[in-house]
N, C-alpha and C. Protein backbone atom coordinates (compact mmCIF):
# COMPACT_ATOMS: atom_id res chain seq x y z
N MET A 1 13.48 7.88 5.30
CA MET A 1 12.09 7.63 5.60
C MET A 1 12.05 6.60 6.73
N ARG A 2 11.23 6.88 7.74
CA ARG A 2 11.07 5.97 8.86
C ARG A 2 9.82 5.12 8.66
N LEU A 3 10.03 3.82 8.71
CA LEU A 3 8.94 2.87 8.53
C LEU A 3 9.26 1.65 9.38
N GLU A 4 8.27 1.09 10.02
CA GLU A 4 8.48 -0.08 10.86
C GLU A 4 9.07 -1.22 10.03
N PRO A 5 9.96 -2.03 10.63
CA PRO A 5 10.59 -3.14 9.91
C PRO A 5 9.58 -4.09 9.25
N ALA A 6 8.46 -4.33 9.88
CA ALA A 6 7.45 -5.24 9.31
C ALA A 6 6.93 -4.70 7.98
N PHE A 7 6.79 -3.38 7.88
CA PHE A 7 6.32 -2.80 6.62
C PHE A 7 7.41 -2.81 5.55
N TRP A 8 8.67 -2.62 5.95
CA TRP A 8 9.76 -2.74 4.98
C TRP A 8 9.79 -4.17 4.43
N ASP A 9 9.69 -5.14 5.32
CA ASP A 9 9.68 -6.55 4.88
C ASP A 9 8.52 -6.81 3.94
N THR A 10 7.36 -6.26 4.28
CA THR A 10 6.15 -6.48 3.48
C THR A 10 6.26 -5.84 2.11
N ILE A 11 6.71 -4.61 2.04
CA ILE A 11 6.80 -3.94 0.74
C ILE A 11 7.87 -4.61 -0.13
N GLU A 12 8.93 -5.10 0.48
CA GLU A 12 9.94 -5.85 -0.27
C GLU A 12 9.37 -7.15 -0.81
N LEU A 13 8.58 -7.84 0.00
CA LEU A 13 7.93 -9.08 -0.43
C LEU A 13 6.96 -8.81 -1.59
N ILE A 14 6.20 -7.74 -1.48
CA ILE A 14 5.27 -7.37 -2.55
C ILE A 14 6.04 -7.09 -3.84
N ALA A 15 7.11 -6.32 -3.74
CA ALA A 15 7.91 -6.00 -4.93
C ALA A 15 8.45 -7.28 -5.57
N GLU A 16 8.96 -8.16 -4.75
CA GLU A 16 9.49 -9.43 -5.27
C GLU A 16 8.38 -10.26 -5.92
N THR A 17 7.24 -10.34 -5.26
CA THR A 17 6.10 -11.11 -5.78
C THR A 17 5.64 -10.56 -7.12
N GLU A 18 5.62 -9.24 -7.24
CA GLU A 18 5.16 -8.59 -8.46
C GLU A 18 6.27 -8.42 -9.51
N LYS A 19 7.46 -8.97 -9.19
CA LYS A 19 8.62 -8.89 -10.10
C LYS A 19 8.96 -7.44 -10.45
N ARG A 20 8.97 -6.60 -9.43
CA ARG A 20 9.32 -5.19 -9.55
C ARG A 20 10.44 -4.89 -8.55
N SER A 21 11.19 -3.85 -8.82
CA SER A 21 12.19 -3.43 -7.84
C SER A 21 11.49 -2.66 -6.72
N LEU A 22 12.12 -2.64 -5.58
CA LEU A 22 11.57 -1.87 -4.46
C LEU A 22 11.45 -0.40 -4.85
N THR A 23 12.44 0.12 -5.54
CA THR A 23 12.42 1.51 -5.98
C THR A 23 11.23 1.78 -6.89
N GLU A 24 10.97 0.87 -7.80
CA GLU A 24 9.85 1.03 -8.72
C GLU A 24 8.52 1.09 -7.97
N VAL A 25 8.32 0.19 -7.02
CA VAL A 25 7.07 0.17 -6.24
C VAL A 25 6.94 1.46 -5.44
N LEU A 26 8.02 1.88 -4.79
CA LEU A 26 7.97 3.11 -3.99
C LEU A 26 7.71 4.33 -4.86
N ASN A 27 8.29 4.37 -6.05
CA ASN A 27 8.05 5.50 -6.96
C ASN A 27 6.58 5.58 -7.37
N VAL A 28 5.98 4.43 -7.68
CA VAL A 28 4.56 4.41 -8.05
C VAL A 28 3.71 4.91 -6.88
N LEU A 29 4.00 4.41 -5.69
CA LEU A 29 3.24 4.86 -4.52
C LEU A 29 3.42 6.35 -4.28
N ASP A 30 4.63 6.84 -4.47
CA ASP A 30 4.90 8.26 -4.27
C ASP A 30 4.07 9.11 -5.22
N VAL A 31 3.98 8.69 -6.47
CA VAL A 31 3.22 9.44 -7.48
C VAL A 31 1.73 9.38 -7.18
N LYS A 32 1.24 8.22 -6.75
CA LYS A 32 -0.21 8.01 -6.57
C LYS A 32 -0.74 8.46 -5.21
N ARG A 33 0.11 8.82 -4.27
CA ARG A 33 -0.34 9.05 -2.89
C ARG A 33 -1.11 10.34 -2.66
N GLY A 34 -1.04 11.26 -3.58
CA GLY A 34 -1.74 12.53 -3.37
C GLY A 34 -1.13 13.29 -2.22
N ALA A 35 -1.97 13.79 -1.32
CA ALA A 35 -1.50 14.60 -0.20
C ALA A 35 -1.08 13.77 1.00
N ALA A 36 -1.31 12.46 0.96
CA ALA A 36 -0.96 11.59 2.08
C ALA A 36 0.56 11.49 2.20
N SER A 37 1.03 11.18 3.40
CA SER A 37 2.46 10.96 3.58
C SER A 37 2.86 9.67 2.87
N LEU A 38 4.10 9.59 2.45
CA LEU A 38 4.56 8.39 1.77
C LEU A 38 4.52 7.18 2.70
N THR A 39 4.93 7.36 3.94
CA THR A 39 4.90 6.22 4.87
C THR A 39 3.47 5.74 5.10
N GLY A 40 2.53 6.66 5.21
CA GLY A 40 1.12 6.28 5.36
C GLY A 40 0.62 5.55 4.13
N ALA A 41 1.00 6.03 2.95
CA ALA A 41 0.59 5.38 1.70
C ALA A 41 1.15 3.97 1.61
N ILE A 42 2.38 3.78 2.07
CA ILE A 42 2.99 2.45 2.06
C ILE A 42 2.23 1.51 2.98
N ARG A 43 1.93 1.98 4.18
CA ARG A 43 1.19 1.14 5.14
C ARG A 43 -0.17 0.73 4.58
N ILE A 44 -0.89 1.68 4.04
CA ILE A 44 -2.22 1.41 3.47
C ILE A 44 -2.10 0.43 2.30
N PHE A 45 -1.12 0.65 1.43
CA PHE A 45 -0.92 -0.23 0.29
C PHE A 45 -0.64 -1.66 0.74
N CYS A 46 0.22 -1.83 1.73
CA CYS A 46 0.56 -3.17 2.21
C CYS A 46 -0.68 -3.90 2.73
N VAL A 47 -1.46 -3.24 3.54
CA VAL A 47 -2.68 -3.86 4.08
C VAL A 47 -3.65 -4.18 2.96
N ASN A 48 -3.88 -3.23 2.08
CA ASN A 48 -4.83 -3.45 0.98
C ASN A 48 -4.36 -4.55 0.03
N TYR A 49 -3.06 -4.62 -0.21
CA TYR A 49 -2.52 -5.66 -1.10
C TYR A 49 -2.90 -7.04 -0.57
N PHE A 50 -2.72 -7.25 0.73
CA PHE A 50 -3.01 -8.57 1.29
C PHE A 50 -4.50 -8.80 1.49
N LEU A 51 -5.27 -7.75 1.64
CA LEU A 51 -6.73 -7.93 1.66
C LEU A 51 -7.21 -8.49 0.33
N LEU A 52 -6.61 -8.03 -0.76
CA LEU A 52 -6.97 -8.56 -2.08
C LEU A 52 -6.59 -10.02 -2.24
N GLN A 53 -5.60 -10.48 -1.47
CA GLN A 53 -5.16 -11.87 -1.54
C GLN A 53 -6.06 -12.81 -0.73
N ALA A 54 -6.98 -12.25 0.02
CA ALA A 54 -7.87 -13.05 0.88
C ALA A 54 -9.25 -13.13 0.24
N PRO A 55 -9.47 -14.11 -0.64
CA PRO A 55 -10.72 -14.18 -1.39
C PRO A 55 -11.96 -14.40 -0.53
N SER A 56 -11.79 -14.85 0.69
CA SER A 56 -12.96 -15.07 1.53
C SER A 56 -13.52 -13.78 2.11
N LEU A 57 -12.76 -12.70 2.01
CA LEU A 57 -13.25 -11.42 2.51
C LEU A 57 -14.12 -10.76 1.44
N PRO A 58 -15.26 -10.23 1.83
CA PRO A 58 -16.17 -9.61 0.85
C PRO A 58 -15.76 -8.18 0.51
N VAL A 59 -14.58 -8.03 -0.11
CA VAL A 59 -14.06 -6.70 -0.45
C VAL A 59 -13.69 -6.70 -1.92
N THR A 60 -14.12 -5.67 -2.64
CA THR A 60 -13.78 -5.55 -4.06
C THR A 60 -12.60 -4.60 -4.22
N THR A 61 -11.97 -4.63 -5.36
CA THR A 61 -10.85 -3.74 -5.64
C THR A 61 -11.27 -2.28 -5.53
N GLY A 62 -12.44 -1.95 -6.05
CA GLY A 62 -12.93 -0.57 -5.95
C GLY A 62 -13.10 -0.13 -4.51
N GLU A 63 -13.59 -1.04 -3.67
CA GLU A 63 -13.74 -0.71 -2.25
C GLU A 63 -12.39 -0.49 -1.59
N LEU A 64 -11.37 -1.27 -1.99
CA LEU A 64 -10.03 -1.08 -1.43
C LEU A 64 -9.45 0.27 -1.82
N VAL A 65 -9.64 0.65 -3.07
CA VAL A 65 -9.14 1.96 -3.52
C VAL A 65 -9.83 3.06 -2.72
N GLU A 66 -11.14 2.93 -2.56
CA GLU A 66 -11.89 3.93 -1.80
C GLU A 66 -11.44 3.95 -0.35
N MET A 67 -11.22 2.78 0.24
CA MET A 67 -10.74 2.70 1.62
C MET A 67 -9.39 3.40 1.75
N GLY A 68 -8.49 3.13 0.80
CA GLY A 68 -7.18 3.76 0.84
C GLY A 68 -7.26 5.26 0.74
N GLN A 69 -8.12 5.77 -0.12
CA GLN A 69 -8.29 7.20 -0.27
C GLN A 69 -8.87 7.80 1.01
N ASN A 70 -9.85 7.12 1.60
CA ASN A 70 -10.44 7.61 2.84
C ASN A 70 -9.45 7.59 3.99
N GLN A 71 -8.65 6.52 4.06
CA GLN A 71 -7.65 6.42 5.13
C GLN A 71 -6.58 7.48 4.95
N ALA A 72 -6.19 7.73 3.73
CA ALA A 72 -5.17 8.74 3.46
C ALA A 72 -5.69 10.13 3.83
N ALA A 73 -6.93 10.41 3.49
CA ALA A 73 -7.52 11.71 3.81
C ALA A 73 -7.64 11.89 5.33
N ALA A 74 -7.97 10.83 6.02
CA ALA A 74 -8.15 10.90 7.48
C ALA A 74 -6.81 11.10 8.19
N SER A 75 -5.71 10.65 7.58
CA SER A 75 -4.41 10.78 8.23
C SER A 75 -3.75 12.12 7.98
N GLU A 76 -4.37 12.97 7.17
CA GLU A 76 -3.78 14.29 6.86
C GLU A 76 -3.88 15.22 8.04
């Protein structure tokens, strides 16, 4: 799988932060991605993960899920 180094670093950081293995995180994303490409799902997940960490942004979890679904559909 081809993914920019910054996204590999980010997904590894997320896995470590969440006390999960990289394989475990990737497997969950693979199952949940629907028709989107796995690399696209990883990119969207990384951005959305850190958006949730920014409490000053007026974004709810439901809106992030919806954004991810819309972005995934648009990239098909």
